[in-house]
N, C-alpha and C. Protein backbone atom coordinates (compact mmCIF):
# COMPACT_ATOMS: atom_id res chain seq x y z
N MET A 1 -74.88 94.99 97.23
CA MET A 1 -74.79 96.10 98.15
C MET A 1 -73.54 96.91 97.81
N PRO A 2 -73.67 98.16 97.38
CA PRO A 2 -72.49 98.98 97.08
C PRO A 2 -71.75 99.36 98.35
N VAL A 3 -70.44 99.27 98.31
CA VAL A 3 -69.60 99.63 99.46
C VAL A 3 -68.43 100.45 98.93
N ASN A 4 -68.04 101.48 99.66
CA ASN A 4 -66.85 102.23 99.28
C ASN A 4 -66.01 102.52 100.50
N ALA A 5 -64.82 103.07 100.28
CA ALA A 5 -63.88 103.33 101.36
C ALA A 5 -63.85 104.79 101.78
N ASP A 6 -64.85 105.58 101.39
CA ASP A 6 -64.83 107.01 101.67
C ASP A 6 -64.69 107.34 103.15
N GLY A 7 -65.26 106.54 104.02
CA GLY A 7 -65.22 106.85 105.45
C GLY A 7 -64.07 106.21 106.21
N LEU A 8 -63.18 105.51 105.54
CA LEU A 8 -62.08 104.85 106.23
C LEU A 8 -61.00 105.84 106.63
N PRO A 9 -60.30 105.61 107.76
CA PRO A 9 -59.21 106.49 108.15
C PRO A 9 -58.02 106.32 107.21
N GLU A 10 -57.08 107.26 107.29
CA GLU A 10 -55.89 107.22 106.42
C GLU A 10 -55.13 105.90 106.59
N THR A 11 -54.88 105.49 107.83
CA THR A 11 -54.20 104.21 108.09
C THR A 11 -54.84 103.58 109.32
N ALA A 12 -54.60 102.30 109.51
CA ALA A 12 -55.12 101.62 110.69
C ALA A 12 -54.38 102.11 111.93
N ALA A 13 -55.11 102.36 112.99
CA ALA A 13 -54.50 102.81 114.23
C ALA A 13 -53.87 101.62 114.94
N PRO A 14 -52.75 101.83 115.65
CA PRO A 14 -52.13 100.73 116.39
C PRO A 14 -53.15 100.11 117.35
N GLY A 15 -53.19 98.80 117.38
CA GLY A 15 -54.10 98.10 118.27
C GLY A 15 -55.48 97.85 117.70
N ASP A 16 -55.79 98.42 116.53
CA ASP A 16 -57.08 98.12 115.90
C ASP A 16 -57.11 96.64 115.55
N PRO A 17 -58.17 95.94 115.92
CA PRO A 17 -58.21 94.51 115.61
C PRO A 17 -58.35 94.26 114.12
N ALA A 18 -57.77 93.17 113.68
CA ALA A 18 -57.92 92.74 112.29
C ALA A 18 -59.32 92.15 112.12
N PRO A 19 -59.82 92.08 110.89
CA PRO A 19 -61.11 91.42 110.68
C PRO A 19 -61.05 89.96 111.12
N PRO A 20 -62.18 89.36 111.46
CA PRO A 20 -62.18 87.95 111.85
C PRO A 20 -61.69 87.06 110.71
N PRO A 21 -61.13 85.88 111.04
CA PRO A 21 -60.68 84.97 109.99
C PRO A 21 -61.80 84.68 109.01
N GLY A 22 -61.46 84.67 107.74
CA GLY A 22 -62.44 84.37 106.70
C GLY A 22 -63.13 85.60 106.15
N LEU A 23 -62.99 86.75 106.82
CA LEU A 23 -63.61 87.98 106.33
C LEU A 23 -62.61 88.74 105.47
N VAL A 24 -63.03 89.14 104.30
CA VAL A 24 -62.18 89.91 103.40
C VAL A 24 -62.80 91.29 103.23
N VAL A 25 -62.00 92.31 103.48
CA VAL A 25 -62.45 93.69 103.31
C VAL A 25 -61.79 94.24 102.06
N VAL A 26 -62.60 94.76 101.15
CA VAL A 26 -62.09 95.25 99.87
C VAL A 26 -62.57 96.69 99.67
N GLY A 27 -61.70 97.51 99.12
CA GLY A 27 -62.08 98.88 98.82
C GLY A 27 -61.16 99.46 97.77
N ARG A 28 -61.56 100.57 97.22
CA ARG A 28 -60.73 101.28 96.25
C ARG A 28 -60.17 102.50 96.96
N TYR A 29 -58.88 102.70 96.82
CA TYR A 29 -58.20 103.76 97.54
C TYR A 29 -57.29 104.49 96.58
N GLU A 30 -57.64 105.71 96.21
CA GLU A 30 -56.85 106.48 95.25
C GLU A 30 -56.10 107.59 95.98
N ARG A 31 -54.82 107.73 95.68
CA ARG A 31 -54.00 108.78 96.27
C ARG A 31 -53.11 109.39 95.21
N LEU A 32 -52.76 110.65 95.43
CA LEU A 32 -51.88 111.35 94.50
C LEU A 32 -50.43 111.00 94.76
N GLU A 33 -49.60 111.27 93.77
CA GLU A 33 -48.16 111.04 93.89
C GLU A 33 -47.63 111.70 95.16
N GLY A 34 -46.75 110.99 95.85
CA GLY A 34 -46.18 111.50 97.10
C GLY A 34 -46.81 110.89 98.34
N TYR A 35 -47.96 110.22 98.21
CA TYR A 35 -48.62 109.58 99.35
C TYR A 35 -47.83 108.35 99.76
N GLY A 36 -47.67 108.12 101.06
CA GLY A 36 -46.97 106.94 101.53
C GLY A 36 -47.42 106.52 102.91
N VAL A 37 -47.18 105.27 103.24
CA VAL A 37 -47.51 104.69 104.55
C VAL A 37 -46.29 103.94 105.04
N ASN A 38 -45.98 104.08 106.34
CA ASN A 38 -44.88 103.34 106.95
C ASN A 38 -45.41 102.70 108.23
N ARG A 39 -45.41 101.38 108.27
CA ARG A 39 -45.85 100.65 109.46
C ARG A 39 -44.67 99.81 109.95
N PRO A 40 -43.88 100.34 110.89
CA PRO A 40 -42.69 99.62 111.35
C PRO A 40 -42.97 98.24 111.93
N ARG A 41 -44.17 98.05 112.51
CA ARG A 41 -44.51 96.73 113.08
C ARG A 41 -45.43 95.94 112.17
N GLY A 42 -45.70 96.47 110.99
CA GLY A 42 -46.58 95.77 110.07
C GLY A 42 -48.04 95.93 110.46
N ALA A 43 -48.85 95.02 109.98
CA ALA A 43 -50.29 95.04 110.26
C ALA A 43 -50.69 93.70 110.87
N ASP A 44 -51.90 93.65 111.41
CA ASP A 44 -52.40 92.41 112.02
C ASP A 44 -52.94 91.42 111.00
N SER A 45 -53.10 91.86 109.77
CA SER A 45 -53.69 90.98 108.75
C SER A 45 -52.94 91.14 107.43
N TRP A 46 -53.23 90.26 106.49
CA TRP A 46 -52.64 90.33 105.15
C TRP A 46 -53.13 91.58 104.44
N LEU A 47 -52.26 92.17 103.63
CA LEU A 47 -52.63 93.33 102.83
C LEU A 47 -52.38 93.00 101.36
N PHE A 48 -53.45 93.00 100.59
CA PHE A 48 -53.36 92.75 99.14
C PHE A 48 -53.50 94.10 98.45
N THR A 49 -52.53 94.47 97.64
CA THR A 49 -52.62 95.72 96.88
C THR A 49 -52.66 95.37 95.40
N TRP A 50 -53.64 95.91 94.72
CA TRP A 50 -53.77 95.70 93.27
C TRP A 50 -53.72 97.08 92.63
N THR A 51 -52.70 97.30 91.82
CA THR A 51 -52.51 98.59 91.17
C THR A 51 -53.33 98.63 89.90
N THR A 52 -54.27 99.58 89.82
CA THR A 52 -55.13 99.69 88.63
C THR A 52 -54.62 100.75 87.66
N GLY A 53 -53.70 101.59 88.10
CA GLY A 53 -53.13 102.62 87.23
C GLY A 53 -51.99 103.30 87.96
N GLY A 54 -51.11 103.92 87.23
CA GLY A 54 -49.96 104.58 87.84
C GLY A 54 -48.92 103.58 88.30
N ARG A 55 -48.11 104.01 89.27
CA ARG A 55 -47.02 103.17 89.78
C ARG A 55 -46.92 103.31 91.29
N GLY A 56 -46.33 102.30 91.92
CA GLY A 56 -46.11 102.35 93.35
C GLY A 56 -44.87 101.56 93.73
N ARG A 57 -44.42 101.77 94.96
CA ARG A 57 -43.28 101.04 95.51
C ARG A 57 -43.71 100.46 96.84
N LEU A 58 -43.44 99.18 97.04
CA LEU A 58 -43.81 98.51 98.29
C LEU A 58 -42.57 97.81 98.84
N ARG A 59 -42.41 97.86 100.17
CA ARG A 59 -41.29 97.19 100.80
C ARG A 59 -41.78 96.48 102.04
N GLN A 60 -41.30 95.24 102.24
CA GLN A 60 -41.58 94.50 103.46
C GLN A 60 -40.30 93.81 103.87
N GLY A 61 -39.81 94.13 105.07
CA GLY A 61 -38.51 93.61 105.46
C GLY A 61 -37.46 94.05 104.46
N ALA A 62 -36.66 93.11 103.94
CA ALA A 62 -35.62 93.43 102.96
C ALA A 62 -36.12 93.35 101.53
N ALA A 63 -37.36 92.91 101.32
CA ALA A 63 -37.90 92.75 99.96
C ALA A 63 -38.57 94.03 99.51
N GLU A 64 -38.32 94.40 98.25
CA GLU A 64 -38.96 95.59 97.68
C GLU A 64 -39.52 95.24 96.32
N ALA A 65 -40.68 95.80 96.01
CA ALA A 65 -41.32 95.56 94.71
C ALA A 65 -41.79 96.89 94.14
N ARG A 66 -41.71 97.00 92.83
CA ARG A 66 -42.29 98.13 92.10
C ARG A 66 -43.55 97.61 91.45
N ALA A 67 -44.64 98.33 91.62
CA ALA A 67 -45.93 97.88 91.08
C ALA A 67 -46.39 98.83 89.99
N GLY A 68 -46.92 98.26 88.93
CA GLY A 68 -47.53 99.03 87.85
C GLY A 68 -48.93 98.52 87.61
N SER A 69 -49.59 99.10 86.65
CA SER A 69 -50.97 98.75 86.34
C SER A 69 -51.13 97.24 86.15
N GLY A 70 -52.07 96.64 86.88
CA GLY A 70 -52.34 95.21 86.78
C GLY A 70 -51.55 94.34 87.75
N ASP A 71 -50.64 94.93 88.55
CA ASP A 71 -49.82 94.15 89.48
C ASP A 71 -50.53 93.95 90.82
N LEU A 72 -50.38 92.75 91.36
CA LEU A 72 -50.88 92.41 92.69
C LEU A 72 -49.68 92.14 93.58
N VAL A 73 -49.58 92.84 94.71
CA VAL A 73 -48.51 92.62 95.67
C VAL A 73 -49.17 92.29 97.01
N VAL A 74 -48.66 91.26 97.69
CA VAL A 74 -49.23 90.82 98.97
C VAL A 74 -48.20 91.05 100.07
N LEU A 75 -48.63 91.73 101.14
CA LEU A 75 -47.78 91.97 102.31
C LEU A 75 -48.31 91.13 103.47
N ALA A 76 -47.41 90.37 104.10
CA ALA A 76 -47.79 89.46 105.19
C ALA A 76 -47.98 90.22 106.50
N PRO A 77 -48.78 89.69 107.41
CA PRO A 77 -48.97 90.34 108.71
C PRO A 77 -47.74 90.21 109.60
N GLY A 78 -47.59 91.17 110.52
CA GLY A 78 -46.55 91.08 111.53
C GLY A 78 -45.15 91.45 111.10
N VAL A 79 -44.96 91.93 109.89
CA VAL A 79 -43.63 92.32 109.40
C VAL A 79 -43.72 93.78 108.95
N GLY A 80 -42.77 94.60 109.40
CA GLY A 80 -42.78 96.00 109.03
C GLY A 80 -42.86 96.19 107.53
N HIS A 81 -43.63 97.18 107.11
CA HIS A 81 -43.75 97.44 105.67
C HIS A 81 -43.99 98.92 105.42
N GLU A 82 -43.75 99.31 104.18
CA GLU A 82 -44.06 100.66 103.74
C GLU A 82 -44.44 100.61 102.27
N TYR A 83 -45.26 101.56 101.87
CA TYR A 83 -45.61 101.66 100.46
C TYR A 83 -45.88 103.11 100.12
N ALA A 84 -45.68 103.44 98.84
CA ALA A 84 -45.86 104.82 98.39
C ALA A 84 -46.22 104.83 96.92
N VAL A 85 -46.86 105.94 96.51
CA VAL A 85 -47.18 106.15 95.09
C VAL A 85 -46.43 107.36 94.59
């Protein structure tokens, strides 16, 4: 079954429930340079980002990572984070 992220909102709204345990939601999300997200309270679920091209910067708490093509970065739930391309 083909699935894409075309209809997803820009970011999760505060209070949106996380998927049930055991459910994994996957999609491809392409953005131009300058796009960024800041979630001061973090998210309700784990966020796995896999960079397929270009570069990005991700920060969670005091930890910061630079991501390039082929990098996987995991952000834990409940901790403020931000990321940008």
